[in-house]
Amino acid sequence: MEAGIASGRLTKRDLGRAATGAVAATLLGLDARTVRAEPAPARPLAPRSEFGFVQASGYLTGDGSLDDMERLARAMRAAAGFAQPIKLEAGKAYRWRAQIRPPTGFPGFVADPGDGSEFHFHAADTFTSKTRPTDPAAADGHLIYVERIDGFRWENIKLVFHAEQRSWVHGLCIRGGRGQRIVGFEATGFCAGFVLKIDSARDWIVENPHIHDCTLDVPSPKDPNSGQLTGIGIDDDKLSIDGRYSVSENFIIRNPQIHRLKSSAATIATGPGYQTDGITFIGYPKDPNAGGGLILGGMISECDEGVDHPSGCRLKIVGLGFKDIQLWALKYVHGAQYNEAHDITVDGIGGGGAVVFGGSQSRAPTQHNLIKNIDIRRVGDTSTGKMVRFLPPSAIRFDDTADGVTRGNVIENTVTGVSITKSAPDAPMGVLIGDLAAGTRGNRIDDLRHDATVTDPIHNQGFGTSRGLAGKLDVRYAPGVFTAMPDADYTLPPPNTRLVTAHPLSAGRRVNLSHPNQYPAGTVVTVHDRAGVVSSTTPIAVRSPVGSSSIVGSNPALATPHASASFRSDGISTWLRQDRASDAQPKR
């Protein structure tokens, strides 16, 4: 039978074997909009062909013209019967007029690395929807839809979508099943939807995906169902099993390369709210112990957001880089829990390197997320222009500015090992503190370092000042790592936020208060060395009444900075801290 499969012709012997279930019927009626092959009958596996594949050359032309969908269905049934993937010819471009929906047991499509095999879909043929499909399996909203197929393979094939203006379509969609292997997936041309979409699948791997050159285009005024373009989306349409959502788990995305997912000028003109994401991981915060996966290495560049975790749980990211991101590189929001990001680099950011945000999911706080060793450069500066700014740019942001009263809390999130350098002139902020909900507590930023371009290291945006920041956020500078501040004003953080720095405070230097009404009467500023010993017996007092916007350094002992050991840049640091005048000894 192998000869018949390879040539595309069935012999009498082949037909006889088909009658016993070796090959499913080849000319069944087809849905006019979907190529959907019926499952092959259960039977013992047939012998493998000579090369371990069903050769596409026996069925498909691959010359760039519309390929026969019935022949494709026939090939997929044969592949399912033999449990062998379809092997595409090198350099062939296959064009399809409708959705591809493989049968149960179909092993997948493969090509050799560098062969240049391509699948092309044209919006004008079938995919005319301008809004998000309401059916997770909609024929006009998904190019390739693979549901509950274990071990599905996609290897070294480029997916090209020829979009019309505002076309909304998902690319390769995998829903349910386990053990899928997506290697060398390349895709381009999309303008809304998820390019690679994986929901409720387990034990899968995506290796070396390359998603590039797509443009989000949404109408004006905004349609809530028309905006969002994502490179890789995980668990956006989860399966429900026995009334409980099933989430993806034990997965790996290795070396993702996601570049130039941009918003059109018309999209930017509509204002904030819609954007492109490199990777979106949604998860299920009602069960934070479920799910989990790993992203290893890679680069995301020229996108509106890098990795978005709306409710995502237990995703670990190691060694991922971001470049020229319009809004945020890392975003933990709406109940994201137990996520980690290690050894992250951000080079060029319009909004922020990392944001921890409570959001509107009051049923689950954004909590127990860890970011460790993040190098953030060029805050407020990208080489590709800037999105409409609805929030001031900063390297790190802790915030909860959701509308209404049903807001989540931000609990016990830690960012450690932060380096901020080369901020843009109009973005001098290091850490921006927004409105933190009443239940927020136990958050920390440790080992914070920045260069002289960050002149506003801890900025309280002024939201929710009546609640204060006591116990909500503790910011600690790395000791002994800075040279002197430039000759400019210095902003103290809000009360109850500890600031550790090596910058001297010379006579006449003005110290601004980020929110003066939060400072009680009698507040003083004292200078200590790393051991906590007061360097001078004369503290700098707040001489103005409560409500003053600034104080002025007046300690004669500090008039010659760098002259004493306390101010040398050889590893001996100073701590600039705010303390109450009644305190006999500053707290460590």
Foldseek 3Di string as FASTA:
>chain_A
DLVCLQQLHADPVNVVVVVVQLFDDQQDDADPAELEAEAGDDDPADDAHPVQARECNNQWDLAPDATDSSSVSRSQRNCQSNLGAYEYAFPGEYEYLWAYEGYASRQEYEYDAPSAAEYEYECVRQQVDLFADPDPPDTNAERYEYEAHANHEDYQYEYEYQYDANGHHEYHEYAEYEHYEYENYEYEAEAHYEPYEYELYEHYEHEAYAYEYYEHHADPPGDPGRAEYEDYEFHPPFDADPNHTRGYAAYEYEAYEAYAHYYDPNRLVNPDDGWYEHYEAEPDLVCLVDHAYEYEAYEHENTQEYYEYQLHHHYEYEHYEYAQHQAEHAEQENQYEHYEYEQYEYHHYQAEDYEHEFEQNQVHGREDYEYEAYEYEAWNGHPPDHGPDPHATEHYEYEYPYPDDRTHAYEQYEYENYEYEHYDQRRLEHYEYEAGDLPAANYEYYAHYYAQSNQAHYAYPPPPPVSPCARRYEYEHRFLDYAEHPQAEHEDHAPNHFYFFQHAAAFFHKYFYNFQQRDAPQKWKFKAKPVQHTPDPDTQTQPDHGPDGIGGDHDPVRNDACPDPARPSPRIGMGIGIDGPPDPGDDD
